[in-house]
Amino acid sequence: MAATVSVPAAVGQVYNVAVGEQTTLTELHQLLSARLVARRTKLVVSPPTHRAFRGGDVRHSLADIGKSRGLLGYAPTHRLRDGLDVTADWYARSA
């Protein structure tokens, strides 16, 4: 969308492209382990290792997709879990 937009205010901008939902790294690890690895390979995934926070670590992050939505008309078509399933299926077919 950003590459083909013709609205002058939207050209040359930087956009967040995301789902607009917050996900922790632990949840992402679980989703990737369950949906991408466990279902499609025989690999065993180790549990995540948690360490103390360091200066500069981001504790909470949520991409603001308002600019993408407003200038490009972007709207997510999949939730994270569903998108990972679609992506994993595509990679499996393409391998």
PDB file of N, CA and C in Angstrom:
ATOM      1  N   MET A   1       0.822  -1.184   0.000  1.00  0.00           N
ATOM      2  CA  MET A   1       0.000   0.000   0.000  1.00  0.00           C
ATOM      3  C   MET A   1       0.871   1.254   0.000  1.00  0.00           C
ATOM      4  N   ALA A   2       1.915   1.241   0.826  1.00  0.00           N
ATOM      5  CA  ALA A   2       2.782   2.411   0.923  1.00  0.00           C
ATOM      6  C   ALA A   2       3.553   2.637  -0.379  1.00  0.00           C
ATOM      7  N   ALA A   3       3.862   1.572  -1.090  1.00  0.00           N
ATOM      8  CA  ALA A   3       4.630   1.700  -2.329  1.00  0.00           C
ATOM      9  C   ALA A   3       3.790   2.217  -3.488  1.00  0.00           C
ATOM     10  N   THR A   4       2.480   2.092  -3.401  1.00  0.00           N
ATOM     11  CA  THR A   4       1.639   2.473  -4.526  1.00  0.00           C
ATOM     12  C   THR A   4       0.698   3.634  -4.221  1.00  0.00           C
ATOM     13  N   VAL A   5       0.787   4.197  -3.024  1.00  0.00           N
ATOM     14  CA  VAL A   5      -0.123   5.277  -2.644  1.00  0.00           C
ATOM     15  C   VAL A   5       0.154   6.531  -3.489  1.00  0.00           C
ATOM     16  N   SER A   6      -0.895   7.229  -3.852  1.00  0.00           N
ATOM     17  CA  SER A   6      -0.721   8.437  -4.660  1.00  0.00           C
ATOM     18  C   SER A   6      -1.116   9.713  -3.918  1.00  0.00           C
ATOM     19  N   VAL A   7      -1.581   9.578  -2.689  1.00  0.00           N
ATOM     20  CA  VAL A   7      -1.935  10.739  -1.878  1.00  0.00           C
ATOM     21  C   VAL A   7      -0.638  11.429  -1.454  1.00  0.00           C
ATOM     22  N   PRO A   8      -0.429  12.685  -1.835  1.00  0.00           N
ATOM     23  CA  PRO A   8       0.845  13.358  -1.535  1.00  0.00           C
ATOM     24  C   PRO A   8       1.253  13.311  -0.059  1.00  0.00           C
ATOM     25  N   ALA A   9       0.311  13.449   0.860  1.00  0.00           N
ATOM     26  CA  ALA A   9       0.649  13.435   2.286  1.00  0.00           C
ATOM     27  C   ALA A   9       1.125  12.069   2.760  1.00  0.00           C
ATOM     28  N   ALA A  10       0.822  11.024   2.003  1.00  0.00           N
ATOM     29  CA  ALA A  10       1.177   9.666   2.412  1.00  0.00           C
ATOM     30  C   ALA A  10       2.502   9.187   1.824  1.00  0.00           C
ATOM     31  N   VAL A  11       3.004   9.880   0.828  1.00  0.00           N
ATOM     32  CA  VAL A  11       4.235   9.472   0.144  1.00  0.00           C
ATOM     33  C   VAL A  11       5.454   9.796   1.005  1.00  0.00           C
ATOM     34  N   GLY A  12       6.414   8.871   1.040  1.00  0.00           N
ATOM     35  CA  GLY A  12       7.663   9.092   1.749  1.00  0.00           C
ATOM     36  C   GLY A  12       7.558   9.032   3.263  1.00  0.00           C
ATOM     37  N   GLN A  13       6.528   8.414   3.766  1.00  0.00           N
ATOM     38  CA  GLN A  13       6.311   8.292   5.208  1.00  0.00           C
ATOM     39  C   GLN A  13       6.840   6.952   5.717  1.00  0.00           C
ATOM     40  N   VAL A  14       6.990   6.849   7.009  1.00  0.00           N
ATOM     41  CA  VAL A  14       7.345   5.601   7.674  1.00  0.00           C
ATOM     42  C   VAL A  14       6.096   5.120   8.395  1.00  0.00           C
ATOM     43  N   TYR A  15       5.764   3.835   8.239  1.00  0.00           N
ATOM     44  CA  TYR A  15       4.522   3.306   8.775  1.00  0.00           C
ATOM     45  C   TYR A  15       4.764   2.105   9.678  1.00  0.00           C
ATOM     46  N   ASN A  16       3.956   1.982  10.717  1.00  0.00           N
ATOM     47  CA  ASN A  16       3.869   0.751  11.491  1.00  0.00           C
ATOM     48  C   ASN A  16       2.838  -0.131  10.797  1.00  0.00           C
ATOM     49  N   VAL A  17       3.219  -1.347  10.520  1.00  0.00           N
ATOM     50  CA  VAL A  17       2.295  -2.319   9.949  1.00  0.00           C
ATOM     51  C   VAL A  17       2.227  -3.460  10.948  1.00  0.00           C
ATOM     52  N   ALA A  18       1.111  -3.569  11.628  1.00  0.00           N
ATOM     53  CA  ALA A  18       0.965  -4.539  12.704  1.00  0.00           C
ATOM     54  C   ALA A  18      -0.510  -4.867  12.853  1.00  0.00           C
ATOM     55  N   VAL A  19      -0.815  -5.604  13.881  1.00  0.00           N
ATOM     56  CA  VAL A  19      -2.190  -6.009  14.147  1.00  0.00           C
ATOM     57  C   VAL A  19      -2.889  -5.035  15.080  1.00  0.00           C
ATOM     58  N   GLY A  20      -2.109  -4.296  15.845  1.00  0.00           N
ATOM     59  CA  GLY A  20      -2.706  -3.383  16.802  1.00  0.00           C
ATOM     60  C   GLY A  20      -3.083  -4.066  18.100  1.00  0.00           C
ATOM     61  N   GLU A  21      -2.465  -5.208  18.387  1.00  0.00           N
ATOM     62  CA  GLU A  21      -2.678  -5.948  19.628  1.00  0.00           C
ATOM     63  C   GLU A  21      -1.327  -6.104  20.320  1.00  0.00           C
ATOM     64  N   GLN A  22      -1.351  -6.118  21.627  1.00  0.00           N
ATOM     65  CA  GLN A  22      -0.122  -6.303  22.387  1.00  0.00           C
ATOM     66  C   GLN A  22       0.140  -7.792  22.583  1.00  0.00           C
ATOM     67  N   THR A  23       1.388  -8.204  22.426  1.00  0.00           N
ATOM     68  CA  THR A  23       1.809  -9.590  22.612  1.00  0.00           C
ATOM     69  C   THR A  23       3.126  -9.587  23.363  1.00  0.00           C
ATOM     70  N   THR A  24       3.236 -10.396  24.395  1.00  0.00           N
ATOM     71  CA  THR A  24       4.494 -10.479  25.118  1.00  0.00           C
ATOM     72  C   THR A  24       5.466 -11.382  24.362  1.00  0.00           C
ATOM     73  N   LEU A  25       6.737 -11.264  24.676  1.00  0.00           N
ATOM     74  CA  LEU A  25       7.720 -12.148  24.049  1.00  0.00           C
ATOM     75  C   LEU A  25       7.467 -13.604  24.423  1.00  0.00           C
ATOM     76  N   THR A  26       7.005 -13.830  25.651  1.00  0.00           N
ATOM     77  CA  THR A  26       6.692 -15.195  26.075  1.00  0.00           C
ATOM     78  C   THR A  26       5.528 -15.751  25.262  1.00  0.00           C
ATOM     79  N   GLU A  27       4.492 -14.944  25.051  1.00  0.00           N
ATOM     80  CA  GLU A  27       3.359 -15.390  24.225  1.00  0.00           C
ATOM     81  C   GLU A  27       3.804 -15.660  22.798  1.00  0.00           C
ATOM     82  N   LEU A  28       4.654 -14.798  22.256  1.00  0.00           N
ATOM     83  CA  LEU A  28       5.151 -15.004  20.902  1.00  0.00           C
ATOM     84  C   LEU A  28       5.961 -16.287  20.820  1.00  0.00           C
ATOM     85  N   HIS A  29       6.794 -16.548  21.800  1.00  0.00           N
ATOM     86  CA  HIS A  29       7.563 -17.788  21.840  1.00  0.00           C
ATOM     87  C   HIS A  29       6.620 -18.992  21.852  1.00  0.00           C
ATOM     88  N   GLN A  30       5.584 -18.936  22.687  1.00  0.00           N
ATOM     89  CA  GLN A  30       4.622 -20.043  22.768  1.00  0.00           C
ATOM     90  C   GLN A  30       3.901 -20.245  21.445  1.00  0.00           C
ATOM     91  N   LEU A  31       3.487 -19.156  20.812  1.00  0.00           N
ATOM     92  CA  LEU A  31       2.798 -19.255  19.522  1.00  0.00           C
ATOM     93  C   LEU A  31       3.701 -19.840  18.456  1.00  0.00           C
ATOM     94  N   LEU A  32       4.926 -19.347  18.381  1.00  0.00           N
ATOM     95  CA  LEU A  32       5.852 -19.868  17.386  1.00  0.00           C
ATOM     96  C   LEU A  32       6.162 -21.334  17.643  1.00  0.00           C
ATOM     97  N   SER A  33       6.355 -21.678  18.910  1.00  0.00           N
ATOM     98  CA  SER A  33       6.659 -23.069  19.260  1.00  0.00           C
ATOM     99  C   SER A  33       5.501 -23.989  18.895  1.00  0.00           C
ATOM    100  N   ALA A  34       4.302 -23.593  19.269  1.00  0.00           N
ATOM    101  CA  ALA A  34       3.137 -24.452  19.063  1.00  0.00           C
ATOM    102  C   ALA A  34       2.691 -24.490  17.609  1.00  0.00           C
ATOM    103  N   ARG A  35       2.698 -23.365  16.946  1.00  0.00           N
ATOM    104  CA  ARG A  35       2.123 -23.289  15.612  1.00  0.00           C
ATOM    105  C   ARG A  35       3.118 -23.549  14.498  1.00  0.00           C
ATOM    106  N   LEU A  36       4.329 -23.107  14.659  1.00  0.00           N
ATOM    107  CA  LEU A  36       5.276 -23.240  13.566  1.00  0.00           C
ATOM    108  C   LEU A  36       6.188 -24.445  13.721  1.00  0.00           C
ATOM    109  N   VAL A  37       6.624 -24.690  14.920  1.00  0.00           N
ATOM    110  CA  VAL A  37       7.613 -25.745  15.115  1.00  0.00           C
ATOM    111  C   VAL A  37       6.962 -27.074  15.435  1.00  0.00           C
ATOM    112  N   ALA A  38       6.186 -27.130  16.495  1.00  0.00           N
ATOM    113  CA  ALA A  38       5.643 -28.402  16.957  1.00  0.00           C
ATOM    114  C   ALA A  38       4.717 -29.052  15.936  1.00  0.00           C
ATOM    115  N   ARG A  39       3.907 -28.272  15.251  1.00  0.00           N
ATOM    116  CA  ARG A  39       2.957 -28.838  14.285  1.00  0.00           C
ATOM    117  C   ARG A  39       3.603 -29.276  12.987  1.00  0.00           C
ATOM    118  N   ARG A  40       4.759 -28.687  12.664  1.00  0.00           N
ATOM    119  CA  ARG A  40       5.301 -28.892  11.339  1.00  0.00           C
ATOM    120  C   ARG A  40       6.675 -29.547  11.306  1.00  0.00           C
ATOM    121  N   THR A  41       7.278 -29.762  12.454  1.00  0.00           N
ATOM    122  CA  THR A  41       8.586 -30.406  12.500  1.00  0.00           C
ATOM    123  C   THR A  41       8.632 -31.340  13.702  1.00  0.00           C
ATOM    124  N   LYS A  42       9.732 -32.049  13.820  1.00  0.00           N
ATOM    125  CA  LYS A  42       9.938 -32.918  14.974  1.00  0.00           C
ATOM    126  C   LYS A  42      10.888 -32.279  15.983  1.00  0.00           C
ATOM    127  N   LEU A  43      11.173 -31.013  15.794  1.00  0.00           N
ATOM    128  CA  LEU A  43      12.064 -30.312  16.704  1.00  0.00           C
ATOM    129  C   LEU A  43      11.396 -30.109  18.055  1.00  0.00           C
ATOM    130  N   VAL A  44      12.190 -30.133  19.090  1.00  0.00           N
ATOM    131  CA  VAL A  44      11.715 -29.851  20.440  1.00  0.00           C
ATOM    132  C   VAL A  44      12.199 -28.449  20.787  1.00  0.00           C
ATOM    133  N   VAL A  45      11.284 -27.620  21.201  1.00  0.00           N
ATOM    134  CA  VAL A  45      11.611 -26.230  21.510  1.00  0.00           C
ATOM    135  C   VAL A  45      11.866 -26.083  22.997  1.00  0.00           C
ATOM    136  N   SER A  46      12.985 -25.470  23.323  1.00  0.00           N
ATOM    137  CA  SER A  46      13.310 -25.217  24.725  1.00  0.00           C
ATOM    138  C   SER A  46      12.441 -24.092  25.260  1.00  0.00           C
ATOM    139  N   PRO A  47      12.156 -24.123  26.556  1.00  0.00           N
ATOM    140  CA  PRO A  47      11.405 -23.006  27.131  1.00  0.00           C
ATOM    141  C   PRO A  47      12.257 -21.743  27.104  1.00  0.00           C
ATOM    142  N   PRO A  48      11.611 -20.589  27.113  1.00  0.00           N
ATOM    143  CA  PRO A  48      12.403 -19.352  27.093  1.00  0.00           C
ATOM    144  C   PRO A  48      13.204 -19.179  28.372  1.00  0.00           C
ATOM    145  N   THR A  49      14.320 -18.493  28.251  1.00  0.00           N
ATOM    146  CA  THR A  49      15.150 -18.156  29.403  1.00  0.00           C
ATOM    147  C   THR A  49      14.888 -16.703  29.763  1.00  0.00           C
ATOM    148  N   HIS A  50      14.481 -16.470  30.992  1.00  0.00           N
ATOM    149  CA  HIS A  50      14.196 -15.105  31.435  1.00  0.00           C
ATOM    150  C   HIS A  50      15.379 -14.579  32.226  1.00  0.00           C
ATOM    151  N   ARG A  51      15.746 -13.366  31.924  1.00  0.00           N
ATOM    152  CA  ARG A  51      16.839 -12.713  32.628  1.00  0.00           C
ATOM    153  C   ARG A  51      16.346 -11.371  33.145  1.00  0.00           C
ATOM    154  N   ALA A  52      17.134 -10.747  33.996  1.00  0.00           N
ATOM    155  CA  ALA A  52      16.779  -9.437  34.545  1.00  0.00           C
ATOM    156  C   ALA A  52      16.735  -8.401  33.423  1.00  0.00           C
ATOM    157  N   PHE A  53      15.847  -7.436  33.587  1.00  0.00           N
ATOM    158  CA  PHE A  53      15.762  -6.359  32.611  1.00  0.00           C
ATOM    159  C   PHE A  53      17.044  -5.543  32.633  1.00  0.00           C
ATOM    160  N   ARG A  54      17.407  -5.033  31.469  1.00  0.00           N
ATOM    161  CA  ARG A  54      18.586  -4.186  31.331  1.00  0.00           C
ATOM    162  C   ARG A  54      18.131  -2.783  30.968  1.00  0.00           C
ATOM    163  N   GLY A  55      18.985  -1.824  31.197  1.00  0.00           N
ATOM    164  CA  GLY A  55      18.683  -0.456  30.800  1.00  0.00           C
ATOM    165  C   GLY A  55      18.400  -0.401  29.307  1.00  0.00           C
ATOM    166  N   GLY A  56      17.322   0.252  28.933  1.00  0.00           N
ATOM    167  CA  GLY A  56      16.965   0.360  27.519  1.00  0.00           C
ATOM    168  C   GLY A  56      16.016  -0.721  27.038  1.00  0.00           C
ATOM    169  N   ASP A  57      15.816  -1.784  27.833  1.00  0.00           N
ATOM    170  CA  ASP A  57      14.854  -2.813  27.437  1.00  0.00           C
ATOM    171  C   ASP A  57      13.450  -2.220  27.390  1.00  0.00           C
ATOM    172  N   VAL A  58      12.679  -2.629  26.420  1.00  0.00           N
ATOM    173  CA  VAL A  58      11.300  -2.167  26.296  1.00  0.00           C
ATOM    174  C   VAL A  58      10.407  -3.166  27.024  1.00  0.00           C
ATOM    175  N   ARG A  59       9.736  -2.708  28.040  1.00  0.00           N
ATOM    176  CA  ARG A  59       8.882  -3.598  28.832  1.00  0.00           C
ATOM    177  C   ARG A  59       7.522  -3.826  28.180  1.00  0.00           C
ATOM    178  N   HIS A  60       6.988  -2.806  27.556  1.00  0.00           N
ATOM    179  CA  HIS A  60       5.671  -2.916  26.918  1.00  0.00           C
ATOM    180  C   HIS A  60       5.737  -2.203  25.571  1.00  0.00           C
ATOM    181  N   SER A  61       5.187  -2.847  24.560  1.00  0.00           N
ATOM    182  CA  SER A  61       5.193  -2.251  23.232  1.00  0.00           C
ATOM    183  C   SER A  61       3.889  -2.581  22.533  1.00  0.00           C
ATOM    184  N   LEU A  62       3.358  -1.605  21.850  1.00  0.00           N
ATOM    185  CA  LEU A  62       2.138  -1.802  21.077  1.00  0.00           C
ATOM    186  C   LEU A  62       2.229  -0.868  19.882  1.00  0.00           C
ATOM    187  N   ALA A  63       2.334  -1.429  18.689  1.00  0.00           N
ATOM    188  CA  ALA A  63       2.470  -0.605  17.493  1.00  0.00           C
ATOM    189  C   ALA A  63       1.202   0.208  17.270  1.00  0.00           C
ATOM    190  N   ASP A  64       1.378   1.500  17.052  1.00  0.00           N
ATOM    191  CA  ASP A  64       0.268   2.379  16.725  1.00  0.00           C
ATOM    192  C   ASP A  64       0.085   2.357  15.211  1.00  0.00           C
ATOM    193  N   ILE A  65      -0.997   1.756  14.738  1.00  0.00           N
ATOM    194  CA  ILE A  65      -1.230   1.644  13.306  1.00  0.00           C
ATOM    195  C   ILE A  65      -2.151   2.753  12.790  1.00  0.00           C
ATOM    196  N   GLY A  66      -2.397   3.758  13.614  1.00  0.00           N
ATOM    197  CA  GLY A  66      -3.290   4.844  13.230  1.00  0.00           C
ATOM    198  C   GLY A  66      -2.867   5.564  11.963  1.00  0.00           C
ATOM    199  N   LYS A  67      -1.574   5.818  11.818  1.00  0.00           N
ATOM    200  CA  LYS A  67      -1.078   6.500  10.627  1.00  0.00           C
ATOM    201  C   LYS A  67      -1.276   5.638   9.381  1.00  0.00           C
ATOM    202  N   SER A  68      -0.971   4.347   9.486  1.00  0.00           N
ATOM    203  CA  SER A  68      -1.173   3.426   8.364  1.00  0.00           C
ATOM    204  C   SER A  68      -2.648   3.336   7.995  1.00  0.00           C
ATOM    205  N   ARG A  69      -3.474   3.288   9.010  1.00  0.00           N
ATOM    206  CA  ARG A  69      -4.921   3.204   8.797  1.00  0.00           C
ATOM    207  C   ARG A  69      -5.439   4.490   8.137  1.00  0.00           C
ATOM    208  N   GLY A  70      -4.993   5.646   8.655  1.00  0.00           N
ATOM    209  CA  GLY A  70      -5.499   6.919   8.169  1.00  0.00           C
ATOM    210  C   GLY A  70      -5.014   7.303   6.783  1.00  0.00           C
ATOM    211  N   LEU A  71      -3.716   7.151   6.529  1.00  0.00           N
ATOM    212  CA  LEU A  71      -3.159   7.589   5.245  1.00  0.00           C
ATOM    213  C   LEU A  71      -3.221   6.529   4.155  1.00  0.00           C
ATOM    214  N   LEU A  72      -3.187   5.271   4.536  1.00  0.00           N
ATOM    215  CA  LEU A  72      -3.160   4.198   3.540  1.00  0.00           C
ATOM    216  C   LEU A  72      -4.455   3.401   3.458  1.00  0.00           C
ATOM    217  N   GLY A  73      -5.297   3.534   4.474  1.00  0.00           N
ATOM    218  CA  GLY A  73      -6.496   2.696   4.522  1.00  0.00           C
ATOM    219  C   GLY A  73      -6.171   1.285   4.979  1.00  0.00           C
ATOM    220  N   TYR A  74      -5.022   1.107   5.642  1.00  0.00           N
ATOM    221  CA  TYR A  74      -4.599  -0.209   6.109  1.00  0.00           C
ATOM    222  C   TYR A  74      -5.520  -0.712   7.208  1.00  0.00           C
ATOM    223  N   ALA A  75      -5.867  -1.965   7.116  1.00  0.00           N
ATOM    224  CA  ALA A  75      -6.626  -2.639   8.166  1.00  0.00           C
ATOM    225  C   ALA A  75      -6.124  -4.079   8.240  1.00  0.00           C
ATOM    226  N   PRO A  76      -5.733  -4.539   9.421  1.00  0.00           N
ATOM    227  CA  PRO A  76      -5.250  -5.910   9.548  1.00  0.00           C
ATOM    228  C   PRO A  76      -6.316  -6.907   9.097  1.00  0.00           C
ATOM    229  N   THR A  77      -5.878  -7.949   8.423  1.00  0.00           N
ATOM    230  CA  THR A  77      -6.804  -8.987   7.963  1.00  0.00           C
ATOM    231  C   THR A  77      -6.717 -10.249   8.811  1.00  0.00           C
ATOM    232  N   HIS A  78      -5.675 -10.364   9.628  1.00  0.00           N
ATOM    233  CA  HIS A  78      -5.479 -11.547  10.454  1.00  0.00           C
ATOM    234  C   HIS A  78      -5.043 -11.124  11.853  1.00  0.00           C
ATOM    235  N   ARG A  79      -5.425 -11.897  12.828  1.00  0.00           N
ATOM    236  CA  ARG A  79      -4.843 -11.757  14.165  1.00  0.00           C
ATOM    237  C   ARG A  79      -3.495 -12.467  14.130  1.00  0.00           C
ATOM    238  N   LEU A  80      -2.665 -12.222  15.114  1.00  0.00           N
ATOM    239  CA  LEU A  80      -1.316 -12.783  15.113  1.00  0.00           C
ATOM    240  C   LEU A  80      -1.327 -14.298  14.960  1.00  0.00           C
ATOM    241  N   ARG A  81      -2.124 -14.974  15.751  1.00  0.00           N
ATOM    242  CA  ARG A  81      -2.159 -16.440  15.710  1.00  0.00           C
ATOM    243  C   ARG A  81      -2.532 -16.947  14.321  1.00  0.00           C
ATOM    244  N   ASP A  82      -3.558 -16.370  13.738  1.00  0.00           N
ATOM    245  CA  ASP A  82      -4.002 -16.794  12.411  1.00  0.00           C
ATOM    246  C   ASP A  82      -2.959 -16.475  11.350  1.00  0.00           C
ATOM    247  N   GLY A  83      -2.340 -15.307  11.477  1.00  0.00           N
ATOM    248  CA  GLY A  83      -1.300 -14.933  10.524  1.00  0.00           C
ATOM    249  C   GLY A  83      -0.107 -15.869  10.575  1.00  0.00           C
ATOM    250  N   LEU A  84       0.258 -16.306  11.761  1.00  0.00           N
ATOM    251  CA  LEU A  84       1.359 -17.272  11.883  1.00  0.00           C
ATOM    252  C   LEU A  84       0.996 -18.596  11.222  1.00  0.00           C
ATOM    253  N   ASP A  85      -0.242 -19.033  11.386  1.00  0.00           N
ATOM    254  CA  ASP A  85      -0.685 -20.270  10.734  1.00  0.00           C
ATOM    255  C   ASP A  85      -0.617 -20.144   9.207  1.00  0.00           C
ATOM    256  N   VAL A  86      -1.124 -19.042   8.677  1.00  0.00           N
ATOM    257  CA  VAL A  86      -1.098 -18.823   7.226  1.00  0.00           C
ATOM    258  C   VAL A  86       0.337 -18.772   6.728  1.00  0.00           C
ATOM    259  N   THR A  87       1.199 -18.074   7.461  1.00  0.00           N
ATOM    260  CA  THR A  87       2.596 -17.957   7.074  1.00  0.00           C
ATOM    261  C   THR A  87       3.295 -19.309   7.108  1.00  0.00           C
ATOM    262  N   ALA A  88       3.071 -20.077   8.151  1.00  0.00           N
ATOM    263  CA  ALA A  88       3.706 -21.400   8.269  1.00  0.00           C
ATOM    264  C   ALA A  88       3.233 -22.312   7.149  1.00  0.00           C
ATOM    265  N   ASP A  89       1.956 -22.279   6.838  1.00  0.00           N
ATOM    266  CA  ASP A  89       1.435 -23.105   5.735  1.00  0.00           C
ATOM    267  C   ASP A  89       2.084 -22.702   4.411  1.00  0.00           C
ATOM    268  N   TRP A  90       2.225 -21.390   4.184  1.00  0.00           N
ATOM    269  CA  TRP A  90       2.842 -20.911   2.947  1.00  0.00           C
ATOM    270  C   TRP A  90       4.286 -21.392   2.849  1.00  0.00           C
ATOM    271  N   TYR A  91       5.043 -21.261   3.949  1.00  0.00           N
ATOM    272  CA  TYR A  91       6.437 -21.721   3.943  1.00  0.00           C
ATOM    273  C   TYR A  91       6.529 -23.227   3.721  1.00  0.00           C
ATOM    274  N   ALA A  92       5.618 -23.991   4.321  1.00  0.00           N
ATOM    275  CA  ALA A  92       5.628 -25.440   4.167  1.00  0.00           C
ATOM    276  C   ALA A  92       5.381 -25.819   2.696  1.00  0.00           C
ATOM    277  N   ARG A  93       4.457 -25.134   2.056  1.00  0.00           N
ATOM    278  CA  ARG A  93       4.162 -25.400   0.644  1.00  0.00           C
ATOM    279  C   ARG A  93       5.298 -24.963  -0.275  1.00  0.00           C
ATOM    280  N   SER A  94       6.011 -23.923   0.121  1.00  0.00           N
ATOM    281  CA  SER A  94       7.061 -23.345  -0.727  1.00  0.00           C
ATOM    282  C   SER A  94       8.412 -24.017  -0.548  1.00  0.00           C
ATOM    283  N   ALA A  95       8.559 -24.812   0.494  1.00  0.00           N
ATOM    284  CA  ALA A  95       9.867 -25.426   0.796  1.00  0.00           C
ATOM    285  C   ALA A  95      10.197 -26.538  -0.167  1.00  0.00           C
TER     286      ALA A  95
END
